[in-house]
């Protein structure tokens, strides 16, 4: 009898998670797609901020360094959920006020664009510190040699600094990517229809909370495992030609 009940439970769960109605599987996959879209955009936007932030902290003037120090300190000190709420509501309000002042009326901001902006600003603070540490790890002799050959700053950054720092930065960047994928769940509080919100809606409609949240956890785990494998491959490729760390300290 218990085995029959278990089979019935599995059959019901499979029906709820099927891709066609009355299943909610397509809703979960659509939410996962939006989560990944926001995570990709925020991670890329954060990298751009982080690269300029790292160079500003290392080579900028006193005012630039102080402003960047305030930015990274505040973002890393305030809980991410609070930052998301502040950046979303304050940012959209400022954009609409500026648009109305210019005579264009209120602007309808895309949820994906707002999510990328909000999480990108958060990611940028952490990327700044990761990339700053990676740049400092590059042997100074390589940079001095490039300068001795007369390389301009942009070429020096593109041909020497970024390739040399990549192996040092990838472990930290891998962590930031995984944080970005999970932080998309926080956007549910402002109504973004990503994986967590889709899961919550499916669970509240069917009362099958365990089934849907377990499925969502499985999707997040799948993204994490695939991302970890990809970053491990990139890290191995970036370390080609460098001394192996195996056996160090023996």
C-alpha atoms as a PDB file:
ATOM      1  CA  UNK A   1       0.000   0.000   0.000  1.00  0.00           C
ATOM      2  CA  UNK A   2       2.819   2.395   0.899  1.00  0.00           C
ATOM      3  CA  UNK A   3       4.554   1.608  -2.371  1.00  0.00           C
ATOM      4  CA  UNK A   4       1.380   2.417  -4.286  1.00  0.00           C
ATOM      5  CA  UNK A   5       1.059   5.744  -2.477  1.00  0.00           C
ATOM      6  CA  UNK A   6       4.683   6.555  -3.283  1.00  0.00           C
ATOM      7  CA  UNK A   7       4.081   5.798  -6.956  1.00  0.00           C
ATOM      8  CA  UNK A   8       0.987   7.978  -6.952  1.00  0.00           C
ATOM      9  CA  UNK A   9       2.963  10.788  -5.321  1.00  0.00           C
ATOM     10  CA  UNK A  10       5.722  10.523  -7.936  1.00  0.00           C
ATOM     11  CA  UNK A  11       3.170  10.492 -10.721  1.00  0.00           C
ATOM     12  CA  UNK A  12       1.491  13.607  -9.333  1.00  0.00           C
ATOM     13  CA  UNK A  13       4.855  15.391  -8.973  1.00  0.00           C
ATOM     14  CA  UNK A  14       5.791  14.441 -12.542  1.00  0.00           C
ATOM     15  CA  UNK A  15       2.458  15.824 -13.753  1.00  0.00           C
ATOM     16  CA  UNK A  16       2.955  19.087 -11.868  1.00  0.00           C
ATOM     17  CA  UNK A  17       6.464  19.500 -13.305  1.00  0.00           C
ATOM     18  CA  UNK A  18       5.570  18.548 -16.881  1.00  0.00           C
ATOM     19  CA  UNK A  19       6.285  21.109 -19.589  1.00  0.00           C
ATOM     20  CA  UNK A  20       2.716  21.162 -20.884  1.00  0.00           C
ATOM     21  CA  UNK A  21      -0.424  22.234 -18.955  1.00  0.00           C
ATOM     22  CA  UNK A  22      -1.509  21.516 -16.287  1.00  0.00           C
ATOM     23  CA  UNK A  23       2.199  21.179 -15.475  1.00  0.00           C
ATOM     24  CA  UNK A  24       4.267  24.172 -14.394  1.00  0.00           C
ATOM     25  CA  UNK A  25       7.623  23.002 -15.762  1.00  0.00           C
ATOM     26  CA  UNK A  26       7.669  25.534 -18.589  1.00  0.00           C
ATOM     27  CA  UNK A  27       7.040  28.338 -16.080  1.00  0.00           C
ATOM     28  CA  UNK A  28      10.053  27.234 -14.058  1.00  0.00           C
ATOM     29  CA  UNK A  29      12.248  27.027 -17.159  1.00  0.00           C
ATOM     30  CA  UNK A  30      11.066  30.466 -18.263  1.00  0.00           C
ATOM     31  CA  UNK A  31      11.934  31.821 -14.822  1.00  0.00           C
ATOM     32  CA  UNK A  32      15.354  30.145 -14.994  1.00  0.00           C
ATOM     33  CA  UNK A  33      15.963  31.747 -18.385  1.00  0.00           C
ATOM     34  CA  UNK A  34      15.165  35.203 -17.002  1.00  0.00           C
ATOM     35  CA  UNK A  35      17.364  34.555 -13.958  1.00  0.00           C
ATOM     36  CA  UNK A  36      20.294  33.593 -16.177  1.00  0.00           C
ATOM     37  CA  UNK A  37      19.674  36.572 -18.454  1.00  0.00           C
ATOM     38  CA  UNK A  38      19.829  38.956 -15.509  1.00  0.00           C
ATOM     39  CA  UNK A  39      22.824  37.124 -13.996  1.00  0.00           C
ATOM     40  CA  UNK A  40      24.800  37.295 -17.269  1.00  0.00           C
ATOM     41  CA  UNK A  41      24.050  40.974 -17.712  1.00  0.00           C
ATOM     42  CA  UNK A  42      24.801  41.867 -14.095  1.00  0.00           C
ATOM     43  CA  UNK A  43      28.024  39.853 -14.089  1.00  0.00           C
ATOM     44  CA  UNK A  44      29.231  41.552 -17.286  1.00  0.00           C
ATOM     45  CA  UNK A  45      28.194  45.008 -16.082  1.00  0.00           C
ATOM     46  CA  UNK A  46      29.899  44.334 -12.762  1.00  0.00           C
ATOM     47  CA  UNK A  47      33.106  43.291 -14.544  1.00  0.00           C
ATOM     48  CA  UNK A  48      33.191  46.566 -16.458  1.00  0.00           C
ATOM     49  CA  UNK A  49      32.666  48.536 -13.246  1.00  0.00           C
ATOM     50  CA  UNK A  50      35.222  46.363 -11.460  1.00  0.00           C
ATOM     51  CA  UNK A  51      37.911  46.821 -14.102  1.00  0.00           C
ATOM     52  CA  UNK A  52      37.621  50.596 -14.072  1.00  0.00           C
ATOM     53  CA  UNK A  53      37.244  50.555 -10.292  1.00  0.00           C
ATOM     54  CA  UNK A  54      40.371  48.455  -9.809  1.00  0.00           C
ATOM     55  CA  UNK A  55      42.453  50.732 -12.036  1.00  0.00           C
ATOM     56  CA  UNK A  56      40.973  53.772 -10.341  1.00  0.00           C
ATOM     57  CA  UNK A  57      41.908  52.452  -6.909  1.00  0.00           C
ATOM     58  CA  UNK A  58      45.433  51.591  -8.008  1.00  0.00           C
ATOM     59  CA  UNK A  59      46.323  54.452 -10.323  1.00  0.00           C
ATOM     60  CA  UNK A  60      43.667  57.146  -9.831  1.00  0.00           C
ATOM     61  CA  UNK A  61      44.024  60.383  -7.951  1.00  0.00           C
ATOM     62  CA  UNK A  62      43.131  60.861  -4.268  1.00  0.00           C
ATOM     63  CA  UNK A  63      39.535  61.930  -5.019  1.00  0.00           C
ATOM     64  CA  UNK A  64      38.916  58.931  -7.313  1.00  0.00           C
ATOM     65  CA  UNK A  65      40.403  56.531  -4.784  1.00  0.00           C
ATOM     66  CA  UNK A  66      38.325  57.975  -1.943  1.00  0.00           C
ATOM     67  CA  UNK A  67      35.077  57.803  -3.951  1.00  0.00           C
ATOM     68  CA  UNK A  68      35.774  54.214  -4.969  1.00  0.00           C
ATOM     69  CA  UNK A  69      36.635  53.308  -1.387  1.00  0.00           C
ATOM     70  CA  UNK A  70      33.277  54.701  -0.233  1.00  0.00           C
ATOM     71  CA  UNK A  71      31.461  52.804  -3.002  1.00  0.00           C
ATOM     72  CA  UNK A  72      33.042  49.427  -2.280  1.00  0.00           C
ATOM     73  CA  UNK A  73      32.751  49.839   1.496  1.00  0.00           C
ATOM     74  CA  UNK A  74      29.066  50.807   1.450  1.00  0.00           C
ATOM     75  CA  UNK A  75      28.049  48.068  -1.000  1.00  0.00           C
ATOM     76  CA  UNK A  76      29.910  45.365   0.896  1.00  0.00           C
ATOM     77  CA  UNK A  77      28.633  46.574   4.266  1.00  0.00           C
ATOM     78  CA  UNK A  78      24.910  46.926   3.511  1.00  0.00           C
ATOM     79  CA  UNK A  79      22.858  43.707   3.079  1.00  0.00           C
ATOM     80  CA  UNK A  80      22.203  42.956  -0.573  1.00  0.00           C
ATOM     81  CA  UNK A  81      18.429  42.846  -0.166  1.00  0.00           C
ATOM     82  CA  UNK A  82      18.448  46.373   1.275  1.00  0.00           C
ATOM     83  CA  UNK A  83      20.718  47.570  -1.550  1.00  0.00           C
ATOM     84  CA  UNK A  84      18.440  46.029  -4.168  1.00  0.00           C
ATOM     85  CA  UNK A  85      15.406  47.805  -2.726  1.00  0.00           C
ATOM     86  CA  UNK A  86      17.255  51.126  -2.502  1.00  0.00           C
ATOM     87  CA  UNK A  87      18.787  50.952  -5.978  1.00  0.00           C
ATOM     88  CA  UNK A  88      15.580  49.783  -7.616  1.00  0.00           C
ATOM     89  CA  UNK A  89      13.148  52.282  -6.129  1.00  0.00           C
ATOM     90  CA  UNK A  90      15.526  55.247  -5.877  1.00  0.00           C
ATOM     91  CA  UNK A  91      17.048  54.573  -9.295  1.00  0.00           C
ATOM     92  CA  UNK A  92      13.719  54.282 -11.116  1.00  0.00           C
ATOM     93  CA  UNK A  93      12.410  57.375  -9.326  1.00  0.00           C
ATOM     94  CA  UNK A  94      15.453  59.451 -10.341  1.00  0.00           C
ATOM     95  CA  UNK A  95      15.192  58.272 -13.966  1.00  0.00           C
ATOM     96  CA  UNK A  96      11.506  59.186 -14.126  1.00  0.00           C
ATOM     97  CA  UNK A  97      12.093  62.564 -12.519  1.00  0.00           C
ATOM     98  CA  UNK A  98      14.863  63.344 -14.997  1.00  0.00           C
ATOM     99  CA  UNK A  99      12.651  62.199 -17.881  1.00  0.00           C
ATOM    100  CA  UNK A 100       9.743  64.359 -16.709  1.00  0.00           C
ATOM    101  CA  UNK A 101      12.063  67.337 -16.258  1.00  0.00           C
ATOM    102  CA  UNK A 102      13.140  66.960 -19.892  1.00  0.00           C
ATOM    103  CA  UNK A 103       9.514  66.796 -20.995  1.00  0.00           C
ATOM    104  CA  UNK A 104       9.403  63.114 -21.988  1.00  0.00           C
ATOM    105  CA  UNK A 105       7.026  61.893 -19.275  1.00  0.00           C
ATOM    106  CA  UNK A 106       7.458  58.765 -17.204  1.00  0.00           C
ATOM    107  CA  UNK A 107       9.613  55.948 -18.556  1.00  0.00           C
ATOM    108  CA  UNK A 108       8.557  52.300 -18.438  1.00  0.00           C
ATOM    109  CA  UNK A 109      11.710  50.520 -17.286  1.00  0.00           C
ATOM    110  CA  UNK A 110      12.170  46.886 -18.317  1.00  0.00           C
ATOM    111  CA  UNK A 111      12.361  44.480 -15.393  1.00  0.00           C
ATOM    112  CA  UNK A 112      15.372  42.752 -16.940  1.00  0.00           C
ATOM    113  CA  UNK A 113      17.204  46.052 -17.481  1.00  0.00           C
ATOM    114  CA  UNK A 114      16.450  47.179 -13.923  1.00  0.00           C
ATOM    115  CA  UNK A 115      17.596  43.829 -12.534  1.00  0.00           C
ATOM    116  CA  UNK A 116      20.862  43.994 -14.483  1.00  0.00           C
ATOM    117  CA  UNK A 117      21.452  47.564 -13.281  1.00  0.00           C
ATOM    118  CA  UNK A 118      20.730  46.780  -9.638  1.00  0.00           C
ATOM    119  CA  UNK A 119      22.756  43.574  -9.387  1.00  0.00           C
ATOM    120  CA  UNK A 120      25.497  45.000 -11.635  1.00  0.00           C
ATOM    121  CA  UNK A 121      26.166  47.827  -9.198  1.00  0.00           C
ATOM    122  CA  UNK A 122      26.406  45.306  -6.360  1.00  0.00           C
ATOM    123  CA  UNK A 123      28.648  42.997  -8.392  1.00  0.00           C
ATOM    124  CA  UNK A 124      30.848  45.932  -9.394  1.00  0.00           C
ATOM    125  CA  UNK A 125      31.977  46.601  -5.830  1.00  0.00           C
ATOM    126  CA  UNK A 126      33.101  43.013  -5.311  1.00  0.00           C
ATOM    127  CA  UNK A 127      34.650  42.800  -8.796  1.00  0.00           C
ATOM    128  CA  UNK A 128      36.668  45.927  -8.029  1.00  0.00           C
ATOM    129  CA  UNK A 129      38.384  44.246  -5.098  1.00  0.00           C
ATOM    130  CA  UNK A 130      38.840  40.895  -6.897  1.00  0.00           C
ATOM    131  CA  UNK A 131      40.448  42.536  -9.929  1.00  0.00           C
ATOM    132  CA  UNK A 132      42.524  44.924  -7.821  1.00  0.00           C
ATOM    133  CA  UNK A 133      44.021  41.976  -5.957  1.00  0.00           C
ATOM    134  CA  UNK A 134      44.630  40.131  -9.234  1.00  0.00           C
ATOM    135  CA  UNK A 135      46.432  43.127 -10.748  1.00  0.00           C
ATOM    136  CA  UNK A 136      48.627  43.425  -7.666  1.00  0.00           C
ATOM    137  CA  UNK A 137      49.508  39.722  -8.041  1.00  0.00           C
ATOM    138  CA  UNK A 138      50.976  40.278 -11.513  1.00  0.00           C
ATOM    139  CA  UNK A 139      54.802  40.339 -11.288  1.00  0.00           C
ATOM    140  CA  UNK A 140      55.854  43.965 -11.415  1.00  0.00           C
ATOM    141  CA  UNK A 141      58.734  43.125 -13.737  1.00  0.00           C
ATOM    142  CA  UNK A 142      56.316  42.247 -16.549  1.00  0.00           C
ATOM    143  CA  UNK A 143      54.621  45.629 -16.313  1.00  0.00           C
ATOM    144  CA  UNK A 144      57.931  47.504 -16.102  1.00  0.00           C
ATOM    145  CA  UNK A 145      59.257  45.616 -19.124  1.00  0.00           C
ATOM    146  CA  UNK A 146      56.174  46.544 -21.157  1.00  0.00           C
ATOM    147  CA  UNK A 147      56.569  50.186 -20.163  1.00  0.00           C
ATOM    148  CA  UNK A 148      60.227  50.042 -21.134  1.00  0.00           C
ATOM    149  CA  UNK A 149      59.156  48.988 -24.631  1.00  0.00           C
ATOM    150  CA  UNK A 150      56.984  52.091 -24.781  1.00  0.00           C
ATOM    151  CA  UNK A 151      53.569  50.456 -24.560  1.00  0.00           C
ATOM    152  CA  UNK A 152      50.774  52.994 -23.987  1.00  0.00           C
ATOM    153  CA  UNK A 153      48.526  52.339 -20.943  1.00  0.00           C
ATOM    154  CA  UNK A 154      45.617  50.853 -22.916  1.00  0.00           C
ATOM    155  CA  UNK A 155      47.866  48.452 -24.833  1.00  0.00           C
ATOM    156  CA  UNK A 156      49.673  47.553 -21.610  1.00  0.00           C
ATOM    157  CA  UNK A 157      46.360  46.698 -19.989  1.00  0.00           C
ATOM    158  CA  UNK A 158      45.104  44.691 -22.996  1.00  0.00           C
ATOM    159  CA  UNK A 159      48.273  42.757 -23.824  1.00  0.00           C
ATOM    160  CA  UNK A 160      50.007  42.344 -20.471  1.00  0.00           C
ATOM    161  CA  UNK A 161      47.979  43.110 -17.366  1.00  0.00           C
ATOM    162  CA  UNK A 162      44.646  41.448 -18.201  1.00  0.00           C
ATOM    163  CA  UNK A 163      46.126  38.189 -19.607  1.00  0.00           C
ATOM    164  CA  UNK A 164      48.586  37.943 -16.706  1.00  0.00           C
ATOM    165  CA  UNK A 165      46.024  38.648 -13.994  1.00  0.00           C
ATOM    166  CA  UNK A 166      43.367  36.308 -15.398  1.00  0.00           C
ATOM    167  CA  UNK A 167      44.583  33.196 -13.606  1.00  0.00           C
ATOM    168  CA  UNK A 168      44.608  35.083 -10.298  1.00  0.00           C
ATOM    169  CA  UNK A 169      41.157  36.597 -10.836  1.00  0.00           C
ATOM    170  CA  UNK A 170      39.213  33.565 -12.091  1.00  0.00           C
ATOM    171  CA  UNK A 171      38.593  31.861  -8.707  1.00  0.00           C
ATOM    172  CA  UNK A 172      37.142  35.062  -7.274  1.00  0.00           C
ATOM    173  CA  UNK A 173      35.169  35.787 -10.448  1.00  0.00           C
ATOM    174  CA  UNK A 174      33.733  32.262 -10.360  1.00  0.00           C
ATOM    175  CA  UNK A 175      32.399  32.955  -6.876  1.00  0.00           C
ATOM    176  CA  UNK A 176      30.937  36.272  -8.031  1.00  0.00           C
ATOM    177  CA  UNK A 177      29.148  34.563 -10.925  1.00  0.00           C
ATOM    178  CA  UNK A 178      27.578  32.027  -8.570  1.00  0.00           C
ATOM    179  CA  UNK A 179      26.564  34.847  -6.235  1.00  0.00           C
ATOM    180  CA  UNK A 180      24.969  36.654  -9.187  1.00  0.00           C
ATOM    181  CA  UNK A 181      22.892  33.598 -10.119  1.00  0.00           C
ATOM    182  CA  UNK A 182      21.633  33.267  -6.547  1.00  0.00           C
ATOM    183  CA  UNK A 183      21.089  37.000  -6.018  1.00  0.00           C
ATOM    184  CA  UNK A 184      18.534  37.006  -8.823  1.00  0.00           C
ATOM    185  CA  UNK A 185      16.231  35.299  -6.315  1.00  0.00           C
ATOM    186  CA  UNK A 186      16.246  38.506  -4.255  1.00  0.00           C
ATOM    187  CA  UNK A 187      14.667  40.363  -7.165  1.00  0.00           C
ATOM    188  CA  UNK A 188      11.413  38.528  -6.445  1.00  0.00           C
ATOM    189  CA  UNK A 189      10.757  41.085  -3.688  1.00  0.00           C
ATOM    190  CA  UNK A 190      10.284  43.797  -6.327  1.00  0.00           C
ATOM    191  CA  UNK A 191       8.153  41.602  -8.573  1.00  0.00           C
ATOM    192  CA  UNK A 192      10.652  40.321 -11.137  1.00  0.00           C
ATOM    193  CA  UNK A 193       9.316  37.124 -12.676  1.00  0.00           C
ATOM    194  CA  UNK A 194      12.492  35.063 -12.255  1.00  0.00           C
ATOM    195  CA  UNK A 195      12.854  31.454 -11.081  1.00  0.00           C
ATOM    196  CA  UNK A 196      12.067  32.032  -7.403  1.00  0.00           C
ATOM    197  CA  UNK A 197       8.919  34.061  -8.090  1.00  0.00           C
ATOM    198  CA  UNK A 198       7.718  31.544 -10.695  1.00  0.00           C
ATOM    199  CA  UNK A 199       8.336  28.759  -8.173  1.00  0.00           C
ATOM    200  CA  UNK A 200       6.441  30.586  -5.452  1.00  0.00           C
ATOM    201  CA  UNK A 201       3.472  31.196  -7.753  1.00  0.00           C
ATOM    202  CA  UNK A 202       3.379  27.556  -8.880  1.00  0.00           C
ATOM    203  CA  UNK A 203       3.649  26.295  -5.298  1.00  0.00           C
ATOM    204  CA  UNK A 204       0.939  28.616  -3.964  1.00  0.00           C
ATOM    205  CA  UNK A 205      -1.411  27.636  -6.799  1.00  0.00           C
ATOM    206  CA  UNK A 206      -0.994  23.886  -6.314  1.00  0.00           C
ATOM    207  CA  UNK A 207      -0.006  23.735  -2.620  1.00  0.00           C
ATOM    208  CA  UNK A 208       2.857  21.447  -3.681  1.00  0.00           C
ATOM    209  CA  UNK A 209       5.521  23.566  -1.986  1.00  0.00           C
ATOM    210  CA  UNK A 210       8.024  20.767  -1.444  1.00  0.00           C
ATOM    211  CA  UNK A 211       7.836  19.602  -5.056  1.00  0.00           C
ATOM    212  CA  UNK A 212       8.366  22.976  -6.654  1.00  0.00           C
ATOM    213  CA  UNK A 213      11.009  24.339  -4.296  1.00  0.00           C
ATOM    214  CA  UNK A 214      12.911  21.061  -4.564  1.00  0.00           C
ATOM    215  CA  UNK A 215      12.746  21.388  -8.359  1.00  0.00           C
ATOM    216  CA  UNK A 216      13.969  25.003  -8.162  1.00  0.00           C
ATOM    217  CA  UNK A 217      16.831  23.930  -5.909  1.00  0.00           C
ATOM    218  CA  UNK A 218      17.730  21.262  -8.453  1.00  0.00           C
ATOM    219  CA  UNK A 219      17.827  23.857 -11.251  1.00  0.00           C
ATOM    220  CA  UNK A 220      20.078  26.157  -9.211  1.00  0.00           C
ATOM    221  CA  UNK A 221      22.332  23.187  -8.419  1.00  0.00           C
ATOM    222  CA  UNK A 222      22.530  22.275 -12.105  1.00  0.00           C
ATOM    223  CA  UNK A 223      23.585  25.832 -12.985  1.00  0.00           C
ATOM    224  CA  UNK A 224      26.197  25.766 -10.203  1.00  0.00           C
ATOM    225  CA  UNK A 225      27.712  22.439 -11.320  1.00  0.00           C
ATOM    226  CA  UNK A 226      27.878  23.489 -14.968  1.00  0.00           C
ATOM    227  CA  UNK A 227      29.343  26.877 -14.059  1.00  0.00           C
ATOM    228  CA  UNK A 228      31.968  25.303 -11.781  1.00  0.00           C
ATOM    229  CA  UNK A 229      33.043  22.920 -14.549  1.00  0.00           C
ATOM    230  CA  UNK A 230      33.326  25.802 -17.021  1.00  0.00           C
ATOM    231  CA  UNK A 231      35.366  27.996 -14.684  1.00  0.00           C
ATOM    232  CA  UNK A 232      37.671  25.085 -13.829  1.00  0.00           C
ATOM    233  CA  UNK A 233      38.309  24.631 -17.552  1.00  0.00           C
ATOM    234  CA  UNK A 234      39.000  28.355 -17.989  1.00  0.00           C
ATOM    235  CA  UNK A 235      41.314  28.352 -14.994  1.00  0.00           C
ATOM    236  CA  UNK A 236      43.302  25.397 -16.340  1.00  0.00           C
ATOM    237  CA  UNK A 237      43.648  27.116 -19.712  1.00  0.00           C
ATOM    238  CA  UNK A 238      44.725  30.396 -18.102  1.00  0.00           C
ATOM    239  CA  UNK A 239      47.408  28.598 -16.072  1.00  0.00           C
ATOM    240  CA  UNK A 240      49.024  26.861 -19.036  1.00  0.00           C
ATOM    241  CA  UNK A 241      52.763  27.378 -18.921  1.00  0.00           C
ATOM    242  CA  UNK A 242      52.740  28.350 -15.236  1.00  0.00           C
ATOM    243  CA  UNK A 243      54.383  26.208 -12.521  1.00  0.00           C
ATOM    244  CA  UNK A 244      52.025  23.632 -11.045  1.00  0.00           C
ATOM    245  CA  UNK A 245      50.941  24.092  -7.438  1.00  0.00           C
ATOM    246  CA  UNK A 246      50.768  20.349  -6.843  1.00  0.00           C
ATOM    247  CA  UNK A 247      53.191  19.246  -4.241  1.00  0.00           C
ATOM    248  CA  UNK A 248      53.846  22.779  -3.023  1.00  0.00           C
ATOM    249  CA  UNK A 249      54.959  22.881   0.573  1.00  0.00           C
ATOM    250  CA  UNK A 250      56.304  19.332   0.618  1.00  0.00           C
END
